[in-house]
Amino acid sequence: MPASDAPVTGAPASSGAAVAPGPARPSRLDPAIAARLRRTPDGLVAAVVRQHDSGEVLMVAWMDDEALHRTLTTGRATYWSRSRQEYWVKGATSGHHQYVRSVALDCDGDALLVSVDQVGPACHTGHRSCFFTELPVSFPEATS
């Protein structure tokens, strides 16, 4: 079943109240998978996205349970936009699609590794990867 390119607005997470361990928005995610997720207070899990064949890290985005469900069942990378408070399918407007090859959950359940076949740039700036700004690293040399 293809994912719609149209945004789907979700209900914002409650603020100020005690955070439930479950998702912030309704979801069709398999309950066995949902039970393994450790979410932020607003119901999100970090998604590190890499090119499936080279391992190149392309971007980091956020998924809630429903975005993960859509990603796992449609083969198209779907994320939760924190700024727009809606779902977005990567490439729906830019044409720079991410076709999902695999998804792995880390040992703590608080991050996902999404391996994709990236078409075009992954970054909204037009770069292949969002990680194009090198920072200087300096540290004392080890003495042995």
N, C-alpha and C. Protein backbone atom coordinates (compact mmCIF):
# COMPACT_ATOMS: atom_id res chain seq x y z
N MET A 1 0.86 -1.17 0.00
CA MET A 1 0.00 0.00 0.00
C MET A 1 0.90 1.23 0.00
N PRO A 2 0.84 2.07 -1.04
CA PRO A 2 1.71 3.24 -1.10
C PRO A 2 1.33 4.28 -0.07
N ALA A 3 2.34 5.00 0.42
CA ALA A 3 2.10 6.07 1.39
C ALA A 3 1.67 7.31 0.64
N SER A 4 0.73 8.02 1.20
CA SER A 4 0.28 9.26 0.63
C SER A 4 1.36 10.32 0.73
N ASP A 5 1.49 11.16 -0.29
CA ASP A 5 2.43 12.26 -0.24
C ASP A 5 1.86 13.43 0.54
N ALA A 6 0.58 13.40 0.81
CA ALA A 6 -0.05 14.50 1.54
C ALA A 6 0.29 14.40 3.02
N PRO A 7 0.59 15.55 3.67
CA PRO A 7 0.87 15.52 5.10
C PRO A 7 -0.33 15.04 5.89
N VAL A 8 -0.07 14.33 6.96
CA VAL A 8 -1.11 13.89 7.87
C VAL A 8 -0.80 14.52 9.21
N THR A 9 -1.66 15.39 9.66
CA THR A 9 -1.41 16.07 10.92
C THR A 9 -1.76 15.16 12.08
N GLY A 10 -0.85 15.05 13.03
CA GLY A 10 -1.08 14.25 14.22
C GLY A 10 -1.40 15.14 15.39
N ALA A 11 -1.97 14.57 16.41
CA ALA A 11 -2.25 15.34 17.62
C ALA A 11 -0.95 15.59 18.35
N PRO A 12 -0.69 16.82 18.76
CA PRO A 12 0.55 17.08 19.48
C PRO A 12 0.58 16.35 20.82
N ALA A 13 1.79 16.02 21.23
CA ALA A 13 1.94 15.36 22.52
C ALA A 13 1.53 16.32 23.62
N SER A 14 1.01 15.77 24.69
CA SER A 14 0.61 16.63 25.80
C SER A 14 1.85 17.23 26.44
N SER A 15 1.70 18.44 26.95
CA SER A 15 2.84 19.08 27.60
C SER A 15 2.52 19.32 29.06
N GLY A 16 3.52 19.16 29.91
CA GLY A 16 3.34 19.42 31.32
C GLY A 16 2.80 18.23 32.10
N ALA A 17 2.19 17.29 31.43
CA ALA A 17 1.62 16.14 32.12
C ALA A 17 2.67 15.03 32.18
N ALA A 18 2.42 14.06 33.04
CA ALA A 18 3.31 12.91 33.11
C ALA A 18 3.29 12.19 31.77
N VAL A 19 4.45 11.76 31.32
CA VAL A 19 4.56 11.13 30.01
C VAL A 19 4.31 9.63 30.14
N ALA A 20 3.39 9.14 29.35
CA ALA A 20 3.12 7.71 29.32
C ALA A 20 4.23 7.03 28.54
N PRO A 21 4.51 5.77 28.83
CA PRO A 21 5.58 5.08 28.13
C PRO A 21 5.23 4.75 26.68
N GLY A 22 4.00 4.92 26.29
CA GLY A 22 3.57 4.59 24.94
C GLY A 22 3.70 5.73 23.97
N PRO A 23 3.18 5.55 22.77
CA PRO A 23 3.30 6.56 21.73
C PRO A 23 2.46 7.80 22.04
N ALA A 24 2.88 8.94 21.46
CA ALA A 24 2.16 10.19 21.67
C ALA A 24 0.94 10.30 20.75
N ARG A 25 0.96 9.57 19.62
CA ARG A 25 -0.12 9.62 18.65
C ARG A 25 -0.58 8.19 18.36
N PRO A 26 -1.82 8.02 17.92
CA PRO A 26 -2.31 6.68 17.59
C PRO A 26 -1.45 6.03 16.51
N SER A 27 -1.31 4.70 16.59
CA SER A 27 -0.45 4.00 15.65
C SER A 27 -0.94 2.59 15.37
N ARG A 28 -0.56 2.11 14.20
CA ARG A 28 -0.85 0.73 13.81
C ARG A 28 0.40 -0.15 13.91
N LEU A 29 1.44 0.33 14.61
CA LEU A 29 2.68 -0.43 14.77
C LEU A 29 2.42 -1.70 15.56
N ASP A 30 3.05 -2.77 15.16
CA ASP A 30 2.96 -4.05 15.86
C ASP A 30 3.27 -3.81 17.34
N PRO A 31 2.38 -4.21 18.24
CA PRO A 31 2.59 -3.98 19.67
C PRO A 31 3.90 -4.59 20.20
N ALA A 32 4.35 -5.68 19.62
CA ALA A 32 5.61 -6.30 20.06
C ALA A 32 6.80 -5.38 19.74
N ILE A 33 6.75 -4.70 18.61
CA ILE A 33 7.81 -3.75 18.27
C ILE A 33 7.67 -2.50 19.13
N ALA A 34 6.45 -2.01 19.27
CA ALA A 34 6.20 -0.79 20.07
C ALA A 34 6.69 -0.97 21.50
N ALA A 35 6.54 -2.16 22.06
CA ALA A 35 6.95 -2.41 23.44
C ALA A 35 8.46 -2.32 23.62
N ARG A 36 9.22 -2.47 22.54
CA ARG A 36 10.69 -2.42 22.64
C ARG A 36 11.24 -1.01 22.50
N LEU A 37 10.41 -0.04 22.11
CA LEU A 37 10.89 1.33 21.88
C LEU A 37 11.00 2.12 23.17
N ARG A 38 12.07 2.87 23.31
CA ARG A 38 12.23 3.84 24.40
C ARG A 38 12.19 5.21 23.76
N ARG A 39 11.10 5.90 23.97
CA ARG A 39 10.81 7.16 23.29
C ARG A 39 11.23 8.37 24.12
N THR A 40 11.39 9.50 23.41
CA THR A 40 11.57 10.78 24.09
C THR A 40 10.23 11.14 24.73
N PRO A 41 10.20 12.15 25.60
CA PRO A 41 8.92 12.54 26.21
C PRO A 41 7.83 12.90 25.19
N ASP A 42 8.23 13.33 23.99
CA ASP A 42 7.21 13.64 22.98
C ASP A 42 6.92 12.46 22.06
N GLY A 43 7.35 11.25 22.45
CA GLY A 43 6.96 10.03 21.75
C GLY A 43 7.82 9.68 20.55
N LEU A 44 9.04 10.21 20.47
CA LEU A 44 9.88 10.01 19.28
C LEU A 44 11.10 9.14 19.55
N VAL A 45 11.59 8.55 18.47
CA VAL A 45 12.81 7.76 18.48
C VAL A 45 13.69 8.30 17.36
N ALA A 46 14.99 8.49 17.64
CA ALA A 46 15.93 8.97 16.61
C ALA A 46 16.11 7.90 15.54
N ALA A 47 16.15 8.34 14.29
CA ALA A 47 16.38 7.45 13.16
C ALA A 47 17.63 7.92 12.42
N VAL A 48 18.69 7.11 12.51
CA VAL A 48 19.92 7.37 11.77
C VAL A 48 19.76 6.69 10.41
N VAL A 49 19.94 7.47 9.35
CA VAL A 49 19.68 6.96 8.01
C VAL A 49 21.00 6.83 7.26
N ARG A 50 21.22 5.65 6.67
CA ARG A 50 22.46 5.42 5.92
C ARG A 50 22.17 4.80 4.57
N GLN A 51 23.09 4.99 3.65
CA GLN A 51 23.01 4.36 2.33
C GLN A 51 23.28 2.87 2.53
N HIS A 52 22.41 2.03 2.02
CA HIS A 52 22.48 0.59 2.33
C HIS A 52 23.75 -0.09 1.84
N ASP A 53 24.29 0.30 0.70
CA ASP A 53 25.43 -0.43 0.15
C ASP A 53 26.78 0.13 0.57
N SER A 54 26.87 1.42 0.84
CA SER A 54 28.16 2.02 1.20
C SER A 54 28.29 2.26 2.71
N GLY A 55 27.17 2.30 3.43
CA GLY A 55 27.20 2.60 4.85
C GLY A 55 27.31 4.09 5.15
N GLU A 56 27.34 4.93 4.11
CA GLU A 56 27.44 6.38 4.30
C GLU A 56 26.25 6.88 5.11
N VAL A 57 26.55 7.63 6.19
CA VAL A 57 25.48 8.21 7.00
C VAL A 57 24.93 9.42 6.26
N LEU A 58 23.62 9.42 6.02
CA LEU A 58 22.99 10.46 5.21
C LEU A 58 22.32 11.54 6.04
N MET A 59 21.62 11.14 7.09
CA MET A 59 20.84 12.10 7.86
C MET A 59 20.37 11.47 9.17
N VAL A 60 19.83 12.31 10.03
CA VAL A 60 19.15 11.87 11.24
C VAL A 60 17.78 12.53 11.23
N ALA A 61 16.77 11.76 11.53
CA ALA A 61 15.40 12.28 11.58
C ALA A 61 14.72 11.64 12.78
N TRP A 62 13.44 11.89 12.93
CA TRP A 62 12.67 11.38 14.06
C TRP A 62 11.49 10.58 13.58
N MET A 63 11.20 9.50 14.29
CA MET A 63 10.03 8.67 14.00
C MET A 63 9.23 8.49 15.28
N ASP A 64 7.92 8.51 15.13
CA ASP A 64 7.06 8.03 16.20
C ASP A 64 6.61 6.64 15.78
N ASP A 65 5.76 6.02 16.56
CA ASP A 65 5.34 4.66 16.25
C ASP A 65 4.68 4.55 14.88
N GLU A 66 3.83 5.50 14.53
CA GLU A 66 3.12 5.42 13.25
C GLU A 66 4.09 5.63 12.08
N ALA A 67 5.04 6.55 12.21
CA ALA A 67 6.04 6.74 11.15
C ALA A 67 6.83 5.46 10.94
N LEU A 68 7.19 4.79 12.03
CA LEU A 68 7.91 3.52 11.92
C LEU A 68 7.02 2.47 11.25
N HIS A 69 5.77 2.40 11.65
CA HIS A 69 4.83 1.46 11.01
C HIS A 69 4.76 1.71 9.51
N ARG A 70 4.61 2.96 9.10
CA ARG A 70 4.52 3.29 7.68
C ARG A 70 5.80 2.94 6.94
N THR A 71 6.94 3.19 7.59
CA THR A 71 8.23 2.87 6.98
C THR A 71 8.36 1.37 6.77
N LEU A 72 7.98 0.59 7.77
CA LEU A 72 8.10 -0.87 7.70
C LEU A 72 7.12 -1.50 6.71
N THR A 73 5.99 -0.87 6.49
CA THR A 73 4.94 -1.50 5.66
C THR A 73 4.83 -0.95 4.24
N THR A 74 5.48 0.20 3.98
CA THR A 74 5.38 0.77 2.63
C THR A 74 6.70 0.73 1.87
N GLY A 75 7.81 0.58 2.59
CA GLY A 75 9.11 0.60 1.94
C GLY A 75 9.60 2.00 1.62
N ARG A 76 8.88 3.01 2.07
CA ARG A 76 9.26 4.41 1.89
C ARG A 76 9.53 5.02 3.26
N ALA A 77 10.67 5.70 3.38
CA ALA A 77 11.04 6.30 4.67
C ALA A 77 10.06 7.41 5.03
N THR A 78 9.44 7.25 6.19
CA THR A 78 8.44 8.21 6.68
C THR A 78 8.87 8.68 8.05
N TYR A 79 8.83 9.99 8.27
CA TYR A 79 9.32 10.59 9.50
C TYR A 79 8.25 11.49 10.12
N TRP A 80 8.49 11.88 11.38
CA TRP A 80 7.64 12.86 12.05
C TRP A 80 8.40 14.18 12.07
N SER A 81 7.80 15.21 11.52
CA SER A 81 8.41 16.53 11.52
C SER A 81 8.08 17.23 12.83
N ARG A 82 9.10 17.50 13.61
CA ARG A 82 8.89 18.19 14.89
C ARG A 82 8.47 19.64 14.66
N SER A 83 8.97 20.27 13.61
CA SER A 83 8.63 21.68 13.37
C SER A 83 7.23 21.84 12.79
N ARG A 84 6.83 20.94 11.89
CA ARG A 84 5.51 21.06 11.25
C ARG A 84 4.43 20.24 11.95
N GLN A 85 4.87 19.36 12.88
CA GLN A 85 3.93 18.49 13.59
C GLN A 85 3.08 17.66 12.63
N GLU A 86 3.78 17.02 11.66
CA GLU A 86 3.09 16.17 10.69
C GLU A 86 4.05 15.13 10.15
N TYR A 87 3.50 14.08 9.55
CA TYR A 87 4.30 13.05 8.91
C TYR A 87 4.80 13.56 7.57
N TRP A 88 5.99 13.09 7.18
CA TRP A 88 6.48 13.38 5.84
C TRP A 88 7.19 12.16 5.28
N VAL A 89 6.89 11.89 4.04
CA VAL A 89 7.54 10.80 3.31
C VAL A 89 8.71 11.43 2.57
N LYS A 90 9.92 10.96 2.85
CA LYS A 90 11.11 11.53 2.24
C LYS A 90 10.98 11.45 0.72
N GLY A 91 11.08 12.60 0.07
CA GLY A 91 11.01 12.67 -1.39
C GLY A 91 9.65 13.02 -1.94
N ALA A 92 8.64 13.12 -1.09
CA ALA A 92 7.29 13.40 -1.58
C ALA A 92 7.22 14.73 -2.33
N THR A 93 7.96 15.71 -1.87
CA THR A 93 7.96 17.00 -2.57
C THR A 93 9.25 17.25 -3.33
N SER A 94 10.38 16.72 -2.85
CA SER A 94 11.68 16.98 -3.49
C SER A 94 11.99 16.00 -4.62
N GLY A 95 11.39 14.82 -4.58
CA GLY A 95 11.75 13.78 -5.54
C GLY A 95 12.98 13.00 -5.12
N HIS A 96 13.57 13.33 -3.97
CA HIS A 96 14.76 12.65 -3.47
C HIS A 96 14.35 11.54 -2.50
N HIS A 97 13.82 10.48 -3.06
CA HIS A 97 13.21 9.40 -2.30
C HIS A 97 14.22 8.55 -1.54
N GLN A 98 13.73 7.93 -0.48
CA GLN A 98 14.49 6.92 0.25
C GLN A 98 13.68 5.63 0.22
N TYR A 99 14.23 4.64 -0.48
CA TYR A 99 13.61 3.33 -0.54
C TYR A 99 14.27 2.45 0.52
N VAL A 100 13.48 1.97 1.45
CA VAL A 100 13.98 1.28 2.63
C VAL A 100 14.42 -0.14 2.28
N ARG A 101 15.64 -0.48 2.71
CA ARG A 101 16.18 -1.82 2.55
C ARG A 101 16.09 -2.62 3.84
N SER A 102 16.33 -1.93 4.99
CA SER A 102 16.22 -2.61 6.28
C SER A 102 16.11 -1.57 7.39
N VAL A 103 15.59 -2.01 8.53
CA VAL A 103 15.50 -1.16 9.72
C VAL A 103 15.95 -2.01 10.91
N ALA A 104 16.85 -1.45 11.71
CA ALA A 104 17.33 -2.16 12.90
C ALA A 104 17.12 -1.27 14.13
N LEU A 105 16.82 -1.90 15.23
CA LEU A 105 16.64 -1.21 16.50
C LEU A 105 17.90 -1.42 17.33
N ASP A 106 18.40 -0.36 17.96
CA ASP A 106 19.62 -0.50 18.76
C ASP A 106 19.32 -1.26 20.05
N CYS A 107 20.39 -1.60 20.77
CA CYS A 107 20.27 -2.45 21.96
C CYS A 107 19.43 -1.84 23.08
N ASP A 108 19.38 -0.50 23.15
CA ASP A 108 18.59 0.17 24.18
C ASP A 108 17.16 0.47 23.75
N GLY A 109 16.87 0.31 22.47
CA GLY A 109 15.54 0.60 21.96
C GLY A 109 15.26 2.08 21.75
N ASP A 110 16.32 2.92 21.82
CA ASP A 110 16.08 4.36 21.69
C ASP A 110 16.60 4.98 20.39
N ALA A 111 17.03 4.13 19.45
CA ALA A 111 17.46 4.63 18.14
C ALA A 111 17.24 3.56 17.09
N LEU A 112 16.97 4.01 15.89
CA LEU A 112 16.77 3.13 14.75
C LEU A 112 17.87 3.38 13.73
N LEU A 113 18.28 2.34 13.03
CA LEU A 113 19.21 2.46 11.91
C LEU A 113 18.43 2.07 10.66
N VAL A 114 18.19 3.05 9.80
CA VAL A 114 17.39 2.84 8.61
C VAL A 114 18.34 2.81 7.41
N SER A 115 18.43 1.67 6.76
CA SER A 115 19.27 1.53 5.58
C SER A 115 18.40 1.71 4.35
N VAL A 116 18.81 2.65 3.49
CA VAL A 116 17.98 3.03 2.35
C VAL A 116 18.77 3.02 1.06
N ASP A 117 18.04 3.04 -0.04
CA ASP A 117 18.59 3.36 -1.34
C ASP A 117 18.17 4.80 -1.58
N GLN A 118 19.11 5.73 -1.45
CA GLN A 118 18.84 7.16 -1.56
C GLN A 118 18.87 7.58 -3.03
N VAL A 119 17.82 8.26 -3.47
CA VAL A 119 17.75 8.82 -4.81
C VAL A 119 17.96 10.32 -4.68
N GLY A 120 19.06 10.83 -5.22
CA GLY A 120 19.35 12.26 -5.12
C GLY A 120 19.91 12.59 -3.75
N PRO A 121 20.03 13.89 -3.45
CA PRO A 121 20.58 14.30 -2.16
C PRO A 121 19.63 13.96 -1.01
N ALA A 122 20.21 13.63 0.15
CA ALA A 122 19.40 13.37 1.34
C ALA A 122 19.13 14.66 2.10
N CYS A 123 20.04 15.62 2.00
CA CYS A 123 19.93 16.85 2.78
C CYS A 123 19.09 17.89 2.06
N HIS A 124 18.31 18.64 2.82
CA HIS A 124 17.47 19.69 2.22
C HIS A 124 18.31 20.82 1.63
N THR A 125 19.61 20.86 1.94
CA THR A 125 20.49 21.88 1.37
C THR A 125 20.98 21.50 -0.02
N GLY A 126 20.70 20.26 -0.43
CA GLY A 126 21.16 19.79 -1.73
C GLY A 126 22.41 18.92 -1.66
N HIS A 127 22.99 18.76 -0.48
CA HIS A 127 24.15 17.89 -0.30
C HIS A 127 23.71 16.44 -0.24
N ARG A 128 24.60 15.56 -0.62
CA ARG A 128 24.32 14.12 -0.57
C ARG A 128 23.97 13.69 0.86
N SER A 129 24.75 14.18 1.83
CA SER A 129 24.56 13.85 3.23
C SER A 129 24.38 15.14 4.02
N CYS A 130 23.68 15.05 5.13
CA CYS A 130 23.55 16.21 6.01
C CYS A 130 24.83 16.48 6.79
N PHE A 131 25.76 15.54 6.77
CA PHE A 131 27.00 15.65 7.55
C PHE A 131 28.15 16.10 6.65
N PHE A 132 28.09 17.34 6.19
CA PHE A 132 29.12 17.87 5.30
C PHE A 132 29.97 18.95 5.96
N THR A 133 29.69 19.30 7.20
CA THR A 133 30.46 20.33 7.91
C THR A 133 31.42 19.66 8.89
N GLU A 134 32.69 19.65 8.53
CA GLU A 134 33.72 19.07 9.40
C GLU A 134 34.05 20.06 10.51
N LEU A 135 34.17 19.57 11.71
CA LEU A 135 34.56 20.39 12.85
C LEU A 135 36.00 20.05 13.23
N PRO A 136 36.75 21.04 13.72
CA PRO A 136 38.13 20.76 14.13
C PRO A 136 38.15 19.91 15.39
N VAL A 137 39.00 18.93 15.39
CA VAL A 137 39.17 18.04 16.54
C VAL A 137 40.60 18.21 17.03
N SER A 138 40.74 18.55 18.29
CA SER A 138 42.09 18.65 18.85
C SER A 138 42.05 18.07 20.25
N PHE A 139 43.07 17.31 20.56
CA PHE A 139 43.17 16.68 21.87
C PHE A 139 44.64 16.42 22.13
N PRO A 140 45.00 16.36 23.39
CA PRO A 140 46.41 16.10 23.71
C PRO A 140 46.83 14.72 23.20
N GLU A 141 48.04 14.65 22.74
CA GLU A 141 48.55 13.37 22.27
C GLU A 141 48.73 12.43 23.45
N ALA A 142 48.43 11.19 23.22
CA ALA A 142 48.58 10.19 24.27
C ALA A 142 50.06 9.93 24.51
N THR A 143 50.42 9.76 25.75
CA THR A 143 51.80 9.43 26.07
C THR A 143 51.86 7.96 26.44
N SER A 144 52.84 7.28 25.87
CA SER A 144 52.97 5.86 26.21
C SER A 144 54.39 5.50 26.46
